[in-house]
C-alpha atoms as a PDB file:
ATOM      1  CA  UNK A   1      -8.346  -6.665  -8.736  1.00  0.00           C
ATOM      2  CA  UNK A   2      -8.179  -9.301 -10.933  1.00  0.00           C
ATOM      3  CA  UNK A   3      -6.438 -12.416  -9.463  1.00  0.00           C
ATOM      4  CA  UNK A   4      -4.699 -15.080 -11.541  1.00  0.00           C
ATOM      5  CA  UNK A   5      -3.740 -18.843 -10.846  1.00  0.00           C
ATOM      6  CA  UNK A   6      -0.562 -18.313  -9.688  1.00  0.00           C
ATOM      7  CA  UNK A   7      -1.358 -15.021  -7.198  1.00  0.00           C
ATOM      8  CA  UNK A   8       0.703 -11.972  -6.963  1.00  0.00           C
ATOM      9  CA  UNK A   9       4.327 -12.774  -7.336  1.00  0.00           C
ATOM     10  CA  UNK A  10       6.185  -9.111  -7.271  1.00  0.00           C
ATOM     11  CA  UNK A  11       5.113  -5.981  -6.264  1.00  0.00           C
ATOM     12  CA  UNK A  12       6.661  -3.312  -8.472  1.00  0.00           C
ATOM     13  CA  UNK A  13       6.296   0.450  -7.130  1.00  0.00           C
ATOM     14  CA  UNK A  14       6.799   3.255  -9.242  1.00  0.00           C
ATOM     15  CA  UNK A  15       8.647   5.856  -8.007  1.00  0.00           C
ATOM     16  CA  UNK A  16       6.463   8.703  -7.365  1.00  0.00           C
ATOM     17  CA  UNK A  17       4.226   6.253  -5.591  1.00  0.00           C
ATOM     18  CA  UNK A  18       7.207   5.319  -3.197  1.00  0.00           C
ATOM     19  CA  UNK A  19       7.933   9.934  -2.953  1.00  0.00           C
ATOM     20  CA  UNK A  20       4.586   9.916  -2.344  1.00  0.00           C
ATOM     21  CA  UNK A  21       4.063   6.888   0.494  1.00  0.00           C
ATOM     22  CA  UNK A  22       8.046   8.468   1.572  1.00  0.00           C
ATOM     23  CA  UNK A  23       6.414  12.245   2.411  1.00  0.00           C
ATOM     24  CA  UNK A  24       3.479  11.238   3.915  1.00  0.00           C
ATOM     25  CA  UNK A  25       4.595   8.058   6.175  1.00  0.00           C
ATOM     26  CA  UNK A  26       6.954  10.726   7.464  1.00  0.00           C
ATOM     27  CA  UNK A  27       3.927  12.167   9.265  1.00  0.00           C
ATOM     28  CA  UNK A  28       4.143   9.369  11.792  1.00  0.00           C
ATOM     29  CA  UNK A  29       6.987  10.769  14.063  1.00  0.00           C
ATOM     30  CA  UNK A  30       3.764  11.639  15.775  1.00  0.00           C
ATOM     31  CA  UNK A  31       3.514   8.518  16.853  1.00  0.00           C
ATOM     32  CA  UNK A  32       0.015   7.829  14.750  1.00  0.00           C
ATOM     33  CA  UNK A  33      -0.783   5.657  11.778  1.00  0.00           C
ATOM     34  CA  UNK A  34      -1.153   7.158   8.446  1.00  0.00           C
ATOM     35  CA  UNK A  35      -1.760   5.135   5.243  1.00  0.00           C
ATOM     36  CA  UNK A  36      -3.372   5.587   1.554  1.00  0.00           C
ATOM     37  CA  UNK A  37      -4.801   3.799  -1.294  1.00  0.00           C
ATOM     38  CA  UNK A  38      -2.721   2.225  -3.845  1.00  0.00           C
ATOM     39  CA  UNK A  39      -3.401   2.372  -7.538  1.00  0.00           C
ATOM     40  CA  UNK A  40      -2.330   0.565 -10.939  1.00  0.00           C
ATOM     41  CA  UNK A  41      -2.475  -2.607 -12.816  1.00  0.00           C
ATOM     42  CA  UNK A  42      -1.641  -6.018 -12.474  1.00  0.00           C
ATOM     43  CA  UNK A  43       0.472  -8.112 -15.559  1.00  0.00           C
ATOM     44  CA  UNK A  44      -0.229 -11.432 -16.369  1.00  0.00           C
ATOM     45  CA  UNK A  45       3.193 -12.367 -14.587  1.00  0.00           C
ATOM     46  CA  UNK A  46       1.757 -12.014 -11.133  1.00  0.00           C
ATOM     47  CA  UNK A  47       3.620  -9.091 -11.029  1.00  0.00           C
ATOM     48  CA  UNK A  48       1.614  -5.956  -9.245  1.00  0.00           C
ATOM     49  CA  UNK A  49       2.394  -2.432 -10.663  1.00  0.00           C
ATOM     50  CA  UNK A  50       1.726   0.595  -8.298  1.00  0.00           C
ATOM     51  CA  UNK A  51       1.521   3.661 -10.107  1.00  0.00           C
ATOM     52  CA  UNK A  52       0.126   5.667  -7.550  1.00  0.00           C
ATOM     53  CA  UNK A  53       0.026   6.401  -4.066  1.00  0.00           C
ATOM     54  CA  UNK A  54      -2.678   8.496  -2.493  1.00  0.00           C
ATOM     55  CA  UNK A  55      -2.805  10.176   0.908  1.00  0.00           C
ATOM     56  CA  UNK A  56      -4.895  10.121   4.139  1.00  0.00           C
ATOM     57  CA  UNK A  57      -7.030  13.177   2.468  1.00  0.00           C
ATOM     58  CA  UNK A  58      -8.285  15.649   5.102  1.00  0.00           C
ATOM     59  CA  UNK A  59     -10.780  14.104   7.095  1.00  0.00           C
ATOM     60  CA  UNK A  60      -9.123  10.417   7.930  1.00  0.00           C
ATOM     61  CA  UNK A  61      -8.576   9.280  11.134  1.00  0.00           C
ATOM     62  CA  UNK A  62      -5.567   9.387  12.593  1.00  0.00           C
ATOM     63  CA  UNK A  63      -4.516   7.097  15.917  1.00  0.00           C
ATOM     64  CA  UNK A  64      -1.745   5.220  17.250  1.00  0.00           C
ATOM     65  CA  UNK A  65      -2.899   1.556  16.435  1.00  0.00           C
ATOM     66  CA  UNK A  66      -5.455   2.694  13.816  1.00  0.00           C
ATOM     67  CA  UNK A  67      -5.965   4.781  10.643  1.00  0.00           C
ATOM     68  CA  UNK A  68      -9.239   5.130   8.379  1.00  0.00           C
ATOM     69  CA  UNK A  69      -8.731   6.717   5.051  1.00  0.00           C
ATOM     70  CA  UNK A  70     -10.787   9.924   4.173  1.00  0.00           C
ATOM     71  CA  UNK A  71     -12.716   7.698   1.671  1.00  0.00           C
ATOM     72  CA  UNK A  72     -14.009  10.730  -0.963  1.00  0.00           C
ATOM     73  CA  UNK A  73     -10.637  12.119  -1.498  1.00  0.00           C
ATOM     74  CA  UNK A  74      -9.745   8.214  -2.090  1.00  0.00           C
ATOM     75  CA  UNK A  75     -12.464   7.861  -4.504  1.00  0.00           C
ATOM     76  CA  UNK A  76     -11.107  11.337  -5.934  1.00  0.00           C
ATOM     77  CA  UNK A  77      -7.928   9.932  -6.621  1.00  0.00           C
ATOM     78  CA  UNK A  78      -8.939   6.480  -8.046  1.00  0.00           C
ATOM     79  CA  UNK A  79     -11.165   8.939 -10.329  1.00  0.00           C
ATOM     80  CA  UNK A  80      -7.753  10.725 -11.765  1.00  0.00           C
ATOM     81  CA  UNK A  81      -5.430   8.098 -11.823  1.00  0.00           C
ATOM     82  CA  UNK A  82      -8.516   5.714 -13.996  1.00  0.00           C
ATOM     83  CA  UNK A  83      -8.616   9.048 -16.090  1.00  0.00           C
ATOM     84  CA  UNK A  84      -4.667   9.196 -16.715  1.00  0.00           C
ATOM     85  CA  UNK A  85      -3.519   5.775 -17.042  1.00  0.00           C
ATOM     86  CA  UNK A  86      -6.607   3.273 -16.580  1.00  0.00           C
ATOM     87  CA  UNK A  87      -5.194   2.436 -12.982  1.00  0.00           C
ATOM     88  CA  UNK A  88      -7.273   0.761 -10.656  1.00  0.00           C
ATOM     89  CA  UNK A  89      -7.742   0.174  -6.685  1.00  0.00           C
ATOM     90  CA  UNK A  90      -5.273  -2.157  -5.864  1.00  0.00           C
ATOM     91  CA  UNK A  91      -4.910  -1.978  -2.261  1.00  0.00           C
ATOM     92  CA  UNK A  92      -3.988   0.208   0.418  1.00  0.00           C
ATOM     93  CA  UNK A  93      -0.629   1.394   2.339  1.00  0.00           C
ATOM     94  CA  UNK A  94      -0.403   2.467   5.855  1.00  0.00           C
ATOM     95  CA  UNK A  95       2.215   3.066   8.795  1.00  0.00           C
ATOM     96  CA  UNK A  96       3.068   0.844  11.706  1.00  0.00           C
ATOM     97  CA  UNK A  97       4.611   3.404  13.993  1.00  0.00           C
ATOM     98  CA  UNK A  98       5.137   1.200  17.271  1.00  0.00           C
ATOM     99  CA  UNK A  99       4.836  -2.655  15.404  1.00  0.00           C
ATOM    100  CA  UNK A 100       6.518  -4.430  13.103  1.00  0.00           C
ATOM    101  CA  UNK A 101       5.838  -4.349   9.348  1.00  0.00           C
ATOM    102  CA  UNK A 102       3.065  -7.053   9.219  1.00  0.00           C
ATOM    103  CA  UNK A 103      -0.383  -7.191   8.924  1.00  0.00           C
ATOM    104  CA  UNK A 104      -2.354  -6.814  12.472  1.00  0.00           C
ATOM    105  CA  UNK A 105      -5.484  -8.722  13.389  1.00  0.00           C
ATOM    106  CA  UNK A 106      -7.391  -5.487  12.820  1.00  0.00           C
ATOM    107  CA  UNK A 107      -5.758  -4.736   9.052  1.00  0.00           C
ATOM    108  CA  UNK A 108      -7.023  -8.301   8.382  1.00  0.00           C
ATOM    109  CA  UNK A 109     -10.161  -7.536   9.007  1.00  0.00           C
ATOM    110  CA  UNK A 110     -10.225  -4.686   7.396  1.00  0.00           C
ATOM    111  CA  UNK A 111      -8.777  -6.632   3.972  1.00  0.00           C
ATOM    112  CA  UNK A 112     -11.431  -8.829   4.101  1.00  0.00           C
ATOM    113  CA  UNK A 113     -14.708  -6.554   4.620  1.00  0.00           C
ATOM    114  CA  UNK A 114     -12.697  -5.214   1.422  1.00  0.00           C
ATOM    115  CA  UNK A 115     -12.421  -8.366  -0.252  1.00  0.00           C
ATOM    116  CA  UNK A 116     -16.355  -8.643   0.685  1.00  0.00           C
ATOM    117  CA  UNK A 117     -17.228  -5.109  -0.390  1.00  0.00           C
ATOM    118  CA  UNK A 118     -19.100  -5.849  -4.254  1.00  0.00           C
ATOM    119  CA  UNK A 119     -18.580  -2.679  -5.280  1.00  0.00           C
ATOM    120  CA  UNK A 120     -14.711  -2.729  -4.914  1.00  0.00           C
ATOM    121  CA  UNK A 121     -14.045  -6.308  -7.195  1.00  0.00           C
ATOM    122  CA  UNK A 122     -11.457  -7.332  -5.123  1.00  0.00           C
ATOM    123  CA  UNK A 123     -10.025 -10.522  -5.109  1.00  0.00           C
ATOM    124  CA  UNK A 124      -6.926 -10.226  -3.926  1.00  0.00           C
ATOM    125  CA  UNK A 125      -5.814  -6.981  -1.652  1.00  0.00           C
ATOM    126  CA  UNK A 126      -2.150  -5.021  -1.965  1.00  0.00           C
ATOM    127  CA  UNK A 127      -0.811  -3.937   1.183  1.00  0.00           C
ATOM    128  CA  UNK A 128       2.066  -2.024   2.166  1.00  0.00           C
ATOM    129  CA  UNK A 129       2.670  -1.406   5.344  1.00  0.00           C
ATOM    130  CA  UNK A 130       5.703   0.514   6.157  1.00  0.00           C
ATOM    131  CA  UNK A 131       7.281   1.314   9.645  1.00  0.00           C
ATOM    132  CA  UNK A 132       9.864   4.107  10.894  1.00  0.00           C
ATOM    133  CA  UNK A 133      13.011   3.383  12.076  1.00  0.00           C
ATOM    134  CA  UNK A 134      13.445   6.519  14.632  1.00  0.00           C
ATOM    135  CA  UNK A 135      13.066   9.653  13.467  1.00  0.00           C
ATOM    136  CA  UNK A 136      11.042   7.984  10.394  1.00  0.00           C
ATOM    137  CA  UNK A 137      14.063   9.473   7.765  1.00  0.00           C
ATOM    138  CA  UNK A 138      14.962   6.547   6.897  1.00  0.00           C
ATOM    139  CA  UNK A 139      11.587   3.836   6.188  1.00  0.00           C
ATOM    140  CA  UNK A 140      10.909  -0.014   5.395  1.00  0.00           C
ATOM    141  CA  UNK A 141       8.165  -1.022   3.754  1.00  0.00           C
ATOM    142  CA  UNK A 142       7.273  -4.335   3.072  1.00  0.00           C
ATOM    143  CA  UNK A 143       4.332  -6.110   0.630  1.00  0.00           C
ATOM    144  CA  UNK A 144       1.114  -8.553   1.363  1.00  0.00           C
ATOM    145  CA  UNK A 145      -1.153 -10.040  -0.947  1.00  0.00           C
ATOM    146  CA  UNK A 146      -4.168 -10.316   1.144  1.00  0.00           C
ATOM    147  CA  UNK A 147      -6.466 -12.929   0.038  1.00  0.00           C
ATOM    148  CA  UNK A 148      -9.894 -14.010   1.799  1.00  0.00           C
ATOM    149  CA  UNK A 149      -8.279 -16.630   4.132  1.00  0.00           C
ATOM    150  CA  UNK A 150      -4.604 -15.707   4.247  1.00  0.00           C
ATOM    151  CA  UNK A 151      -1.912 -13.000   3.951  1.00  0.00           C
ATOM    152  CA  UNK A 152       1.418 -13.528   2.008  1.00  0.00           C
ATOM    153  CA  UNK A 153       4.612 -11.384   2.308  1.00  0.00           C
ATOM    154  CA  UNK A 154       5.466 -10.365  -1.678  1.00  0.00           C
ATOM    155  CA  UNK A 155       8.936  -9.305  -2.857  1.00  0.00           C
ATOM    156  CA  UNK A 156       8.689  -5.573  -3.173  1.00  0.00           C
ATOM    157  CA  UNK A 157      10.656  -3.969  -5.893  1.00  0.00           C
ATOM    158  CA  UNK A 158      11.265  -0.216  -5.793  1.00  0.00           C
ATOM    159  CA  UNK A 159      11.075   0.651  -9.497  1.00  0.00           C
ATOM    160  CA  UNK A 160      14.409   0.438 -11.310  1.00  0.00           C
ATOM    161  CA  UNK A 161      16.830  -1.031  -9.565  1.00  0.00           C
ATOM    162  CA  UNK A 162      15.193  -2.940  -7.641  1.00  0.00           C
ATOM    163  CA  UNK A 163      14.766  -2.776  -3.783  1.00  0.00           C
ATOM    164  CA  UNK A 164      14.096  -5.805  -1.771  1.00  0.00           C
ATOM    165  CA  UNK A 165      11.143  -6.201   0.705  1.00  0.00           C
ATOM    166  CA  UNK A 166      12.115  -4.996   3.909  1.00  0.00           C
ATOM    167  CA  UNK A 167      14.754  -2.802   3.086  1.00  0.00           C
ATOM    168  CA  UNK A 168      14.808   1.222   2.702  1.00  0.00           C
ATOM    169  CA  UNK A 169      12.220   2.353   1.098  1.00  0.00           C
ATOM    170  CA  UNK A 170      14.482   5.528  -0.316  1.00  0.00           C
ATOM    171  CA  UNK A 171      15.385   5.181  -3.945  1.00  0.00           C
ATOM    172  CA  UNK A 172      18.746   3.380  -4.716  1.00  0.00           C
ATOM    173  CA  UNK A 173      21.845   5.175  -6.354  1.00  0.00           C
ATOM    174  CA  UNK A 174      22.534   4.134  -9.802  1.00  0.00           C
END
């Protein structure tokens, strides 16, 4: 993802991506993290548009405090998204079944590794962390812009009408 002078100012999660995250996040009812990749575009105004979200993949590792995506599965989703609309890999989403929707030390270490990977060309990594409310029927999501030396919370909008970061991931009524 290409960075720009002002950094990421806002994340717009398109409804299909939100629906994928909502569906996949419910798997964390079992007490284990899950997640996937985020694909989309960065606009000149600092808005990141997430057009597609991938799931964990068939050989993903899911633990109570750890998630490792199926990399082959992620690359297939990334190639399909790029062919469809030019979307590129802009970050990752995952759940925290028992902790707050903020990056853990392990998460931050992962983002630093992604930023250092020369094949990915990240200058900033977008992270969306989802937490459940009891039975995961009403999850809440928060977005983070992760730079080499810091992670900053970023307002999260679910398409239109808007939802504020930290509010339910469900679509709002018009």
